[in-house]
Protein backbone atom coordinates (compact mmCIF):
# COMPACT_ATOMS: atom_id res chain seq x y z
CA MET A 1 -97.03 -80.97 -5.72
CA LYS A 2 -94.18 -79.85 -3.67
CA LEU A 3 -90.67 -82.09 -2.77
CA ALA A 4 -88.11 -81.39 0.22
CA VAL A 5 -85.04 -83.00 -0.41
CA GLU A 6 -81.93 -83.14 1.99
CA ILE A 7 -78.90 -83.76 0.24
CA SER A 8 -75.25 -84.23 1.29
CA LEU A 9 -72.23 -84.32 -1.14
CA TYR A 10 -69.26 -86.59 0.15
CA PRO A 11 -66.27 -85.79 -2.70
CA LEU A 12 -63.91 -88.65 -3.00
CA GLN A 13 -60.92 -86.30 -2.80
CA ASP A 14 -58.55 -84.52 -0.29
CA ASN A 15 -60.02 -81.07 -0.85
CA TYR A 16 -63.50 -81.92 -0.32
CA LEU A 17 -64.73 -78.37 0.73
CA LEU A 18 -64.46 -76.82 -2.86
CA PRO A 19 -66.52 -79.14 -4.44
CA ILE A 20 -69.21 -78.82 -1.84
CA LYS A 21 -69.18 -75.00 -1.73
CA TRP A 22 -69.61 -75.14 -5.70
CA PHE A 23 -72.46 -77.36 -5.56
CA ILE A 24 -74.27 -75.43 -2.97
CA GLU A 25 -73.29 -71.92 -5.08
CA ARG A 26 -74.92 -73.68 -8.26
CA LEU A 27 -78.40 -74.42 -6.12
CA ASP A 28 -78.73 -70.73 -5.85
CA ALA A 29 -78.99 -70.39 -9.54
CA TYR A 30 -82.67 -71.93 -8.99
CA PRO A 31 -84.55 -68.93 -7.56
CA GLU A 32 -87.81 -70.77 -7.52
CA ILE A 33 -86.26 -73.48 -5.11
CA GLN A 34 -85.91 -72.56 -1.43
CA ARG A 35 -82.56 -73.88 0.06
CA LYS A 36 -80.98 -74.03 3.45
CA THR A 37 -77.63 -75.26 4.53
CA ASN A 38 -76.16 -76.31 7.62
CA ALA A 39 -72.96 -78.34 8.60
CA MET A 40 -74.70 -81.80 7.76
CA SER A 41 -76.55 -81.08 4.58
CA THR A 42 -78.77 -78.71 2.32
CA GLN A 43 -82.12 -78.79 2.39
CA LEU A 44 -84.10 -78.03 -0.88
CA LEU A 45 -88.12 -77.11 -1.23
CA GLY A 46 -89.85 -76.56 -4.31
CA ASP A 47 -92.03 -77.81 -7.33
CA TYR A 48 -91.34 -81.73 -7.41
CA ASP A 49 -90.36 -81.68 -10.98
CA GLN A 50 -88.40 -78.56 -10.84
CA VAL A 51 -86.31 -80.22 -8.06
CA MET A 52 -85.66 -83.33 -9.52
CA SER A 53 -84.74 -81.51 -12.66
CA LEU A 54 -82.24 -79.49 -10.73
CA LEU A 55 -80.97 -82.46 -9.21
CA ALA A 56 -80.48 -84.31 -12.20
CA VAL A 57 -78.40 -81.45 -13.84
CA GLU A 58 -76.53 -80.40 -11.15
CA MET A 59 -75.38 -84.12 -9.69
CA LYS A 60 -74.25 -84.87 -12.93
CA ALA A 61 -72.24 -81.59 -13.46
CA ALA A 62 -70.48 -82.31 -10.33
CA HIS A 63 -69.42 -85.50 -11.31
CA GLU A 64 -68.18 -84.13 -14.68
CA LYS A 65 -66.31 -81.50 -13.10
CA TRP A 66 -64.85 -83.10 -9.46
CA GLY A 67 -65.03 -86.87 -10.55
CA LYS A 68 -66.17 -89.36 -7.98
CA GLY A 69 -68.32 -88.42 -5.05
CA VAL A 70 -71.56 -89.72 -3.18
CA PHE A 71 -74.62 -87.95 -2.97
CA VAL A 72 -76.89 -88.95 -0.01
CA CYS A 73 -80.50 -87.82 -0.36
CA LYS A 74 -83.56 -87.85 1.73
CA PHE A 75 -86.98 -87.25 -0.49
CA ILE A 76 -90.29 -86.18 1.30
CA PRO A 77 -93.02 -85.92 -1.36
CA GLY A 78 -95.32 -82.91 -0.29
CA GLY A 79 -92.49 -80.81 1.27
CA VAL A 80 -91.73 -79.50 4.58
CA ASN A 81 -91.18 -76.29 6.66
CA LEU A 82 -87.62 -75.74 6.17
CA ASP A 83 -87.78 -73.18 9.22
CA HIS A 84 -89.13 -76.01 11.58
CA SER A 85 -86.76 -76.36 14.45
CA GLU A 86 -88.18 -79.20 16.44
């Protein structure tokens, strides 16, 4: 089963861009997951279990490295076309 996730990271620190860029770069280490990023969020699409597993690993890593931060996520089971523009 496919899963689409829209995720935004809001680091609770002054230099907020560094943790966001770091997190997005780490997502690219998963070639089986499709990633699309815009100014507001990052969208992920892939196998349900793989997406959930990478989120658990990478969100924990972000908190351990950068401290407090807020993740806001939307989950769409079955996935969506990340290239859809309407």
